[in-house]
Amino acid sequence: MDMLAPEKKTHEEKEDLQQYHQKTGNCKKLLRNCCLVKRFFAWKSLSSKDTVEDEMEMATVRHRPEALELLEAQSKFTKKELQILYRGFKNECPSGVVNEETFKEIYSQFFPQGDSTTYAHFLFNAFDTDHNGSVSFEDFVMGLSILLRGTVQEKLNWAFNLYDINKDGYITKEEMLDIMKAIYDMMGKCTYPVLKEDTPRQHVETFFQKMDKNKDGVVTIDEFIESCQKDENIMRSMQLFENVI
């Protein structure tokens, strides 16, 4: 018997795989654009569509079935998508959790011409919902679920949490500027024409003035959401982070 021959799949397995491919075409496109998932699946080492399909085909479940079912109910991913996400996550992070250094390493690879350290720090804190210094698979999935498939309201809530650096329920002008500067530091040198050094501050001055309705020096979640929904320029600016997840 040829030990190198590929294992034959049952008819049920082939049908299951075919149905999965049909249902998740859009998901693959979304995931390919996500830096975190690119790293976990090592997309850059895949040379063809067939290889991507093979990677999905090989996905196995090591997560507890009950935990997987709970995540399926809580997130906007299917069971098959969660299996794939978990395999990539576990391969990259055998311990089952991601630390801040991993986030920094991921973003330094995808934005080598800029300084991504500060942005990776802020993003890590946004994913680390229980603030224990690590991001579990559950944290990772729930964050991605919102960012990739959430409603506008859910995405804005997530964005508010990102900008609320000290997690006190308010965004100050300084916090907003810190996030904006971090994004521009990471991406600014990759843009054409190169952004001016004072561009983040100019944007923050304009947007913060519009958001701070009662002029008390802080922006609440309600002020944030209302302003983003009513002003297209603010919405585009606040969603800038979506392009660098």
C-alpha atoms as a PDB file:
ATOM      1  CA  MET A   1       0.000   0.000   0.000  1.00  0.00           C
ATOM      2  CA  ASP A   2       1.338   3.436  -0.927  1.00  0.00           C
ATOM      3  CA  MET A   3       1.707   5.316   2.359  1.00  0.00           C
ATOM      4  CA  LEU A   4       2.038   8.601   0.462  1.00  0.00           C
ATOM      5  CA  ALA A   5      -1.273   8.258  -1.354  1.00  0.00           C
ATOM      6  CA  PRO A   6      -3.873  10.824  -0.271  1.00  0.00           C
ATOM      7  CA  GLU A   7      -6.573   9.504   2.025  1.00  0.00           C
ATOM      8  CA  LYS A   8      -9.867   9.039   0.214  1.00  0.00           C
ATOM      9  CA  LYS A   9     -12.808  11.038   1.473  1.00  0.00           C
ATOM     10  CA  THR A  10     -16.233   9.586   2.069  1.00  0.00           C
ATOM     11  CA  HIS A  11     -19.212  10.786   0.033  1.00  0.00           C
ATOM     12  CA  GLU A  12     -20.524  12.567   3.138  1.00  0.00           C
ATOM     13  CA  GLU A  13     -17.252  14.396   3.669  1.00  0.00           C
ATOM     14  CA  LYS A  14     -17.160  15.513   0.021  1.00  0.00           C
ATOM     15  CA  GLU A  15     -20.728  16.814   0.209  1.00  0.00           C
ATOM     16  CA  ASP A  16     -19.996  18.617   3.459  1.00  0.00           C
ATOM     17  CA  LEU A  17     -16.912  20.251   1.956  1.00  0.00           C
ATOM     18  CA  GLN A  18     -18.772  21.270  -1.205  1.00  0.00           C
ATOM     19  CA  GLN A  19     -21.574  22.886   0.798  1.00  0.00           C
ATOM     20  CA  TYR A  20     -19.024  24.669   2.954  1.00  0.00           C
ATOM     21  CA  HIS A  21     -17.199  26.107  -0.059  1.00  0.00           C
ATOM     22  CA  GLN A  22     -20.479  27.394  -1.482  1.00  0.00           C
ATOM     23  CA  LYS A  23     -21.527  29.096   1.738  1.00  0.00           C
ATOM     24  CA  THR A  24     -18.255  30.732   2.707  1.00  0.00           C
ATOM     25  CA  GLY A  25     -16.895  32.353  -0.451  1.00  0.00           C
ATOM     26  CA  ASN A  26     -17.527  35.826   0.968  1.00  0.00           C
ATOM     27  CA  CYS A  27     -16.040  34.895   4.323  1.00  0.00           C
ATOM     28  CA  LYS A  28     -12.721  33.908   2.726  1.00  0.00           C
ATOM     29  CA  LYS A  29     -12.475  37.316   1.073  1.00  0.00           C
ATOM     30  CA  LEU A  30     -13.153  39.058   4.378  1.00  0.00           C
ATOM     31  CA  LEU A  31     -10.662  36.926   6.249  1.00  0.00           C
ATOM     32  CA  ARG A  32      -7.957  37.408   3.614  1.00  0.00           C
ATOM     33  CA  ASN A  33      -8.137  41.152   4.266  1.00  0.00           C
ATOM     34  CA  CYS A  34      -7.675  40.756   8.014  1.00  0.00           C
ATOM     35  CA  CYS A  35      -4.051  41.062   9.167  1.00  0.00           C
ATOM     36  CA  LEU A  36      -4.641  38.925  12.240  1.00  0.00           C
ATOM     37  CA  VAL A  37      -6.150  36.061  10.281  1.00  0.00           C
ATOM     38  CA  LYS A  38      -3.538  36.346   7.535  1.00  0.00           C
ATOM     39  CA  ARG A  39      -0.880  35.746  10.149  1.00  0.00           C
ATOM     40  CA  PHE A  40      -2.669  32.882  11.858  1.00  0.00           C
ATOM     41  CA  PHE A  41      -3.257  31.107   8.547  1.00  0.00           C
ATOM     42  CA  ALA A  42       0.053  32.231   6.982  1.00  0.00           C
ATOM     43  CA  TRP A  43      -1.820  33.431   3.890  1.00  0.00           C
ATOM     44  CA  LYS A  44       1.356  34.913   2.436  1.00  0.00           C
ATOM     45  CA  SER A  45       2.820  31.426   2.056  1.00  0.00           C
ATOM     46  CA  LEU A  46      -0.166  30.178   0.058  1.00  0.00           C
ATOM     47  CA  SER A  47       0.470  30.308  -3.671  1.00  0.00           C
ATOM     48  CA  SER A  48      -2.922  29.475  -5.176  1.00  0.00           C
ATOM     49  CA  LYS A  49      -6.644  29.249  -4.621  1.00  0.00           C
ATOM     50  CA  ASP A  50      -6.333  25.471  -4.534  1.00  0.00           C
ATOM     51  CA  THR A  51      -3.911  25.713  -1.633  1.00  0.00           C
ATOM     52  CA  VAL A  52      -6.356  27.885   0.265  1.00  0.00           C
ATOM     53  CA  GLU A  53      -9.055  25.305  -0.403  1.00  0.00           C
ATOM     54  CA  ASP A  54      -6.743  22.557   0.812  1.00  0.00           C
ATOM     55  CA  GLU A  55      -6.068  24.470   3.998  1.00  0.00           C
ATOM     56  CA  MET A  56      -9.792  24.745   4.643  1.00  0.00           C
ATOM     57  CA  GLU A  57     -10.328  21.130   3.733  1.00  0.00           C
ATOM     58  CA  MET A  58      -7.796  20.004   6.309  1.00  0.00           C
ATOM     59  CA  ALA A  59      -9.447  21.953   9.135  1.00  0.00           C
ATOM     60  CA  THR A  60     -10.103  19.849  12.212  1.00  0.00           C
ATOM     61  CA  VAL A  61     -11.899  20.477  15.470  1.00  0.00           C
ATOM     62  CA  ARG A  62      -9.909  20.357  18.651  1.00  0.00           C
ATOM     63  CA  HIS A  63     -12.127  22.765  20.532  1.00  0.00           C
ATOM     64  CA  ARG A  64     -14.661  21.310  22.952  1.00  0.00           C
ATOM     65  CA  PRO A  65     -17.924  20.741  21.035  1.00  0.00           C
ATOM     66  CA  GLU A  66     -20.010  22.532  23.638  1.00  0.00           C
ATOM     67  CA  ALA A  67     -17.722  25.582  23.530  1.00  0.00           C
ATOM     68  CA  LEU A  68     -17.857  25.579  19.733  1.00  0.00           C
ATOM     69  CA  GLU A  69     -21.658  25.447  19.755  1.00  0.00           C
ATOM     70  CA  LEU A  70     -21.784  28.312  22.235  1.00  0.00           C
ATOM     71  CA  LEU A  71     -19.482  30.427  20.068  1.00  0.00           C
ATOM     72  CA  GLU A  72     -21.583  29.631  17.026  1.00  0.00           C
ATOM     73  CA  ALA A  73     -24.662  30.905  18.870  1.00  0.00           C
ATOM     74  CA  GLN A  74     -22.910  34.031  20.150  1.00  0.00           C
ATOM     75  CA  SER A  75     -20.966  34.999  17.015  1.00  0.00           C
ATOM     76  CA  LYS A  76     -21.833  35.515  13.359  1.00  0.00           C
ATOM     77  CA  PHE A  77     -19.649  32.627  12.188  1.00  0.00           C
ATOM     78  CA  THR A  78     -20.782  29.170  11.171  1.00  0.00           C
ATOM     79  CA  LYS A  79     -19.485  26.019  12.828  1.00  0.00           C
ATOM     80  CA  LYS A  80     -17.236  25.288   9.852  1.00  0.00           C
ATOM     81  CA  GLU A  81     -15.801  28.805   9.916  1.00  0.00           C
ATOM     82  CA  LEU A  82     -15.104  28.473  13.623  1.00  0.00           C
ATOM     83  CA  GLN A  83     -13.307  25.180  13.025  1.00  0.00           C
ATOM     84  CA  ILE A  84     -11.044  26.867  10.478  1.00  0.00           C
ATOM     85  CA  LEU A  85     -10.433  29.884  12.685  1.00  0.00           C
ATOM     86  CA  TYR A  86      -9.591  27.649  15.618  1.00  0.00           C
ATOM     87  CA  ARG A  87      -7.152  25.537  13.635  1.00  0.00           C
ATOM     88  CA  GLY A  88      -5.227  28.579  12.474  1.00  0.00           C
ATOM     89  CA  PHE A  89      -5.340  30.142  15.931  1.00  0.00           C
ATOM     90  CA  LYS A  90      -4.104  26.962  17.620  1.00  0.00           C
ATOM     91  CA  ASN A  91      -1.341  26.400  15.074  1.00  0.00           C
ATOM     92  CA  GLU A  92      -0.014  29.903  15.644  1.00  0.00           C
ATOM     93  CA  CYS A  93      -0.704  29.985  19.381  1.00  0.00           C
ATOM     94  CA  PRO A  94      -0.372  26.466  20.855  1.00  0.00           C
ATOM     95  CA  SER A  95      -0.909  27.838  24.349  1.00  0.00           C
ATOM     96  CA  GLY A  96      -4.441  28.853  23.360  1.00  0.00           C
ATOM     97  CA  VAL A  97      -3.934  32.568  23.989  1.00  0.00           C
ATOM     98  CA  VAL A  98      -2.265  35.489  22.214  1.00  0.00           C
ATOM     99  CA  ASN A  99      -0.142  38.000  24.081  1.00  0.00           C
ATOM    100  CA  GLU A 100       0.624  41.599  23.197  1.00  0.00           C
ATOM    101  CA  GLU A 101       4.019  40.794  21.721  1.00  0.00           C
ATOM    102  CA  THR A 102       2.346  38.561  19.133  1.00  0.00           C
ATOM    103  CA  PHE A 103       0.066  41.427  18.087  1.00  0.00           C
ATOM    104  CA  LYS A 104       3.079  43.703  17.711  1.00  0.00           C
ATOM    105  CA  GLU A 105       4.947  41.121  15.661  1.00  0.00           C
ATOM    106  CA  ILE A 106       1.963  40.619  13.341  1.00  0.00           C
ATOM    107  CA  TYR A 107       1.570  44.315  12.598  1.00  0.00           C
ATOM    108  CA  SER A 108       5.288  44.945  12.195  1.00  0.00           C
ATOM    109  CA  GLN A 109       5.252  42.373   9.386  1.00  0.00           C
ATOM    110  CA  PHE A 110       2.255  43.838   7.579  1.00  0.00           C
ATOM    111  CA  PHE A 111       3.285  47.490   7.997  1.00  0.00           C
ATOM    112  CA  PRO A 112       7.091  47.340   7.809  1.00  0.00           C
ATOM    113  CA  GLN A 113       7.436  50.932   6.543  1.00  0.00           C
ATOM    114  CA  GLY A 114       5.731  52.429   9.575  1.00  0.00           C
ATOM    115  CA  ASP A 115       5.828  52.082  13.348  1.00  0.00           C
ATOM    116  CA  SER A 116       2.934  49.829  14.328  1.00  0.00           C
ATOM    117  CA  THR A 117       3.928  49.236  17.954  1.00  0.00           C
ATOM    118  CA  THR A 118       1.523  51.709  19.550  1.00  0.00           C
ATOM    119  CA  TYR A 119      -1.444  50.773  17.395  1.00  0.00           C
ATOM    120  CA  ALA A 120      -0.887  47.062  18.094  1.00  0.00           C
ATOM    121  CA  HIS A 121      -0.877  47.892  21.810  1.00  0.00           C
ATOM    122  CA  PHE A 122      -4.220  49.713  21.590  1.00  0.00           C
ATOM    123  CA  LEU A 123      -5.750  47.014  19.395  1.00  0.00           C
ATOM    124  CA  PHE A 124      -4.616  44.283  21.759  1.00  0.00           C
ATOM    125  CA  ASN A 125      -6.318  46.073  24.654  1.00  0.00           C
ATOM    126  CA  ALA A 126      -9.531  46.310  22.633  1.00  0.00           C
ATOM    127  CA  PHE A 127      -9.534  42.557  21.972  1.00  0.00           C
ATOM    128  CA  ASP A 128      -8.540  41.768  25.570  1.00  0.00           C
ATOM    129  CA  THR A 129     -12.046  42.342  26.894  1.00  0.00           C
ATOM    130  CA  ASP A 130     -11.430  40.981  30.388  1.00  0.00           C
ATOM    131  CA  HIS A 131      -8.098  42.860  30.658  1.00  0.00           C
ATOM    132  CA  ASN A 132      -6.065  39.864  31.824  1.00  0.00           C
ATOM    133  CA  GLY A 133      -3.117  40.476  29.505  1.00  0.00           C
ATOM    134  CA  SER A 134      -3.990  37.833  26.922  1.00  0.00           C
ATOM    135  CA  VAL A 135      -6.495  37.263  24.115  1.00  0.00           C
ATOM    136  CA  SER A 136      -8.235  33.887  24.086  1.00  0.00           C
ATOM    137  CA  PHE A 137      -9.780  32.238  21.054  1.00  0.00           C
ATOM    138  CA  GLU A 138     -13.191  33.343  22.323  1.00  0.00           C
ATOM    139  CA  ASP A 139     -12.008  36.965  22.593  1.00  0.00           C
ATOM    140  CA  PHE A 140     -10.541  36.740  19.095  1.00  0.00           C
ATOM    141  CA  VAL A 141     -13.697  35.300  17.530  1.00  0.00           C
ATOM    142  CA  MET A 142     -16.100  37.735  19.170  1.00  0.00           C
ATOM    143  CA  GLY A 143     -13.976  40.704  18.097  1.00  0.00           C
ATOM    144  CA  LEU A 144     -13.713  39.461  14.509  1.00  0.00           C
ATOM    145  CA  SER A 145     -17.424  38.706  14.416  1.00  0.00           C
ATOM    146  CA  ILE A 146     -18.219  42.343  15.148  1.00  0.00           C
ATOM    147  CA  LEU A 147     -15.544  43.827  12.893  1.00  0.00           C
ATOM    148  CA  LEU A 148     -16.308  41.625   9.883  1.00  0.00           C
ATOM    149  CA  ARG A 149     -20.041  41.035  10.169  1.00  0.00           C
ATOM    150  CA  GLY A 150     -21.434  43.266  12.866  1.00  0.00           C
ATOM    151  CA  THR A 151     -24.101  45.919  12.468  1.00  0.00           C
ATOM    152  CA  VAL A 152     -23.117  49.587  12.253  1.00  0.00           C
ATOM    153  CA  GLN A 153     -24.147  49.979  15.897  1.00  0.00           C
ATOM    154  CA  GLU A 154     -21.993  47.036  16.983  1.00  0.00           C
ATOM    155  CA  LYS A 155     -18.975  48.289  15.045  1.00  0.00           C
ATOM    156  CA  LEU A 156     -19.313  51.767  16.506  1.00  0.00           C
ATOM    157  CA  ASN A 157     -19.537  50.323  20.017  1.00  0.00           C
ATOM    158  CA  TRP A 158     -16.340  48.390  19.296  1.00  0.00           C
ATOM    159  CA  ALA A 159     -14.665  51.504  17.902  1.00  0.00           C
ATOM    160  CA  PHE A 160     -15.663  53.498  20.990  1.00  0.00           C
ATOM    161  CA  ASN A 161     -14.013  50.852  23.162  1.00  0.00           C
ATOM    162  CA  LEU A 162     -10.854  51.127  21.075  1.00  0.00           C
ATOM    163  CA  TYR A 163     -10.715  54.921  21.451  1.00  0.00           C
ATOM    164  CA  ASP A 164     -11.587  54.792  25.157  1.00  0.00           C
ATOM    165  CA  ILE A 165      -8.041  53.881  26.112  1.00  0.00           C
ATOM    166  CA  ASN A 166      -8.430  53.975  29.898  1.00  0.00           C
ATOM    167  CA  LYS A 167     -11.862  52.275  29.734  1.00  0.00           C
ATOM    168  CA  ASP A 168     -13.631  54.877  31.893  1.00  0.00           C
ATOM    169  CA  GLY A 169     -16.621  55.182  29.568  1.00  0.00           C
ATOM    170  CA  TYR A 170     -15.525  58.457  27.959  1.00  0.00           C
ATOM    171  CA  ILE A 171     -13.246  59.494  25.100  1.00  0.00           C
ATOM    172  CA  THR A 172     -11.042  62.520  25.655  1.00  0.00           C
ATOM    173  CA  LYS A 173      -9.408  64.540  22.918  1.00  0.00           C
ATOM    174  CA  GLU A 174      -6.044  63.181  24.037  1.00  0.00           C
ATOM    175  CA  GLU A 175      -7.234  59.577  23.725  1.00  0.00           C
ATOM    176  CA  MET A 176      -8.631  60.159  20.259  1.00  0.00           C
ATOM    177  CA  LEU A 177      -5.395  61.831  19.213  1.00  0.00           C
ATOM    178  CA  ASP A 178      -3.331  58.935  20.581  1.00  0.00           C
ATOM    179  CA  ILE A 179      -5.277  56.430  18.467  1.00  0.00           C
ATOM    180  CA  MET A 180      -5.201  58.602  15.353  1.00  0.00           C
ATOM    181  CA  LYS A 181      -1.454  59.203  15.684  1.00  0.00           C
ATOM    182  CA  ALA A 182      -0.874  55.483  16.169  1.00  0.00           C
ATOM    183  CA  ILE A 183      -2.748  54.693  12.939  1.00  0.00           C
ATOM    184  CA  TYR A 184      -0.973  57.423  11.003  1.00  0.00           C
ATOM    185  CA  ASP A 185       2.415  56.346  12.389  1.00  0.00           C
ATOM    186  CA  MET A 186       1.705  52.855  11.099  1.00  0.00           C
ATOM    187  CA  MET A 187       0.270  53.816   7.709  1.00  0.00           C
ATOM    188  CA  GLY A 188       1.427  57.366   7.002  1.00  0.00           C
ATOM    189  CA  LYS A 189       4.682  56.462   5.291  1.00  0.00           C
ATOM    190  CA  CYS A 190       2.836  53.990   3.084  1.00  0.00           C
ATOM    191  CA  THR A 191       0.472  56.593   1.649  1.00  0.00           C
ATOM    192  CA  TYR A 192       0.899  58.850  -1.326  1.00  0.00           C
ATOM    193  CA  PRO A 193       1.213  61.708  -0.932  1.00  0.00           C
ATOM    194  CA  VAL A 194       2.812  61.290   2.482  1.00  0.00           C
ATOM    195  CA  LEU A 195       0.579  62.681   5.211  1.00  0.00           C
ATOM    196  CA  LYS A 196       1.675  65.782   7.051  1.00  0.00           C
ATOM    197  CA  GLU A 197       2.777  65.398  10.641  1.00  0.00           C
ATOM    198  CA  ASP A 198      -0.046  67.572  12.006  1.00  0.00           C
ATOM    199  CA  THR A 199      -2.812  65.806  10.018  1.00  0.00           C
ATOM    200  CA  PRO A 200      -4.002  63.601  12.931  1.00  0.00           C
ATOM    201  CA  ARG A 201      -4.310  66.609  15.252  1.00  0.00           C
ATOM    202  CA  GLN A 202      -6.252  68.593  12.647  1.00  0.00           C
ATOM    203  CA  HIS A 203      -8.703  65.734  12.160  1.00  0.00           C
ATOM    204  CA  VAL A 204      -9.164  65.219  15.880  1.00  0.00           C
ATOM    205  CA  GLU A 205      -9.783  68.926  16.503  1.00  0.00           C
ATOM    206  CA  THR A 206     -12.500  68.972  13.863  1.00  0.00           C
ATOM    207  CA  PHE A 207     -14.195  65.724  14.812  1.00  0.00           C
ATOM    208  CA  PHE A 208     -13.979  66.138  18.566  1.00  0.00           C
ATOM    209  CA  GLN A 209     -15.601  69.549  18.371  1.00  0.00           C
ATOM    210  CA  LYS A 210     -18.531  68.025  16.476  1.00  0.00           C
ATOM    211  CA  MET A 211     -18.840  65.039  18.808  1.00  0.00           C
ATOM    212  CA  ASP A 212     -18.648  66.853  22.134  1.00  0.00           C
ATOM    213  CA  LYS A 213     -22.237  68.101  21.986  1.00  0.00           C
ATOM    214  CA  ASN A 214     -22.399  69.569  25.499  1.00  0.00           C
ATOM    215  CA  LYS A 215     -18.830  70.884  25.414  1.00  0.00           C
ATOM    216  CA  ASP A 216     -17.776  69.169  28.631  1.00  0.00           C
ATOM    217  CA  GLY A 217     -14.436  68.009  27.249  1.00  0.00           C
ATOM    218  CA  VAL A 218     -15.349  64.329  26.860  1.00  0.00           C
ATOM    219  CA  VAL A 219     -17.346  62.264  24.364  1.00  0.00           C
ATOM    220  CA  THR A 220     -19.848  59.711  25.644  1.00  0.00           C
ATOM    221  CA  ILE A 221     -20.890  56.568  23.800  1.00  0.00           C
ATOM    222  CA  ASP A 222     -24.193  58.210  22.830  1.00  0.00           C
ATOM    223  CA  GLU A 223     -22.451  61.331  21.502  1.00  0.00           C
ATOM    224  CA  PHE A 224     -19.971  59.161  19.627  1.00  0.00           C
ATOM    225  CA  ILE A 225     -22.576  56.977  17.924  1.00  0.00           C
ATOM    226  CA  GLU A 226     -24.894  59.876  17.080  1.00  0.00           C
ATOM    227  CA  SER A 227     -22.069  61.909  15.547  1.00  0.00           C
ATOM    228  CA  CYS A 228     -20.739  59.001  13.494  1.00  0.00           C
ATOM    229  CA  GLN A 229     -24.145  58.118  12.130  1.00  0.00           C
ATOM    230  CA  LYS A 230     -24.995  61.693  11.164  1.00  0.00           C
ATOM    231  CA  ASP A 231     -21.668  62.783   9.642  1.00  0.00           C
ATOM    232  CA  GLU A 232     -20.162  60.783   6.763  1.00  0.00           C
ATOM    233  CA  ASN A 233     -16.731  62.355   7.206  1.00  0.00           C
ATOM    234  CA  ILE A 234     -16.607  61.328  10.856  1.00  0.00           C
ATOM    235  CA  MET A 235     -17.880  57.867  10.016  1.00  0.00           C
ATOM    236  CA  ARG A 236     -15.145  57.361   7.423  1.00  0.00           C
ATOM    237  CA  SER A 237     -12.505  58.555   9.846  1.00  0.00           C
ATOM    238  CA  MET A 238     -13.750  56.439  12.729  1.00  0.00           C
ATOM    239  CA  GLN A 239     -13.864  53.368  10.487  1.00  0.00           C
ATOM    240  CA  LEU A 240     -10.274  53.850   9.391  1.00  0.00           C
ATOM    241  CA  PHE A 241      -9.294  51.234  11.947  1.00  0.00           C
ATOM    242  CA  GLU A 242     -11.289  48.611  10.015  1.00  0.00           C
ATOM    243  CA  ASN A 243      -8.687  48.761   7.249  1.00  0.00           C
ATOM    244  CA  VAL A 244      -5.871  47.934   9.664  1.00  0.00           C
ATOM    245  CA  ILE A 245      -7.332  45.020  11.584  1.00  0.00           C
END
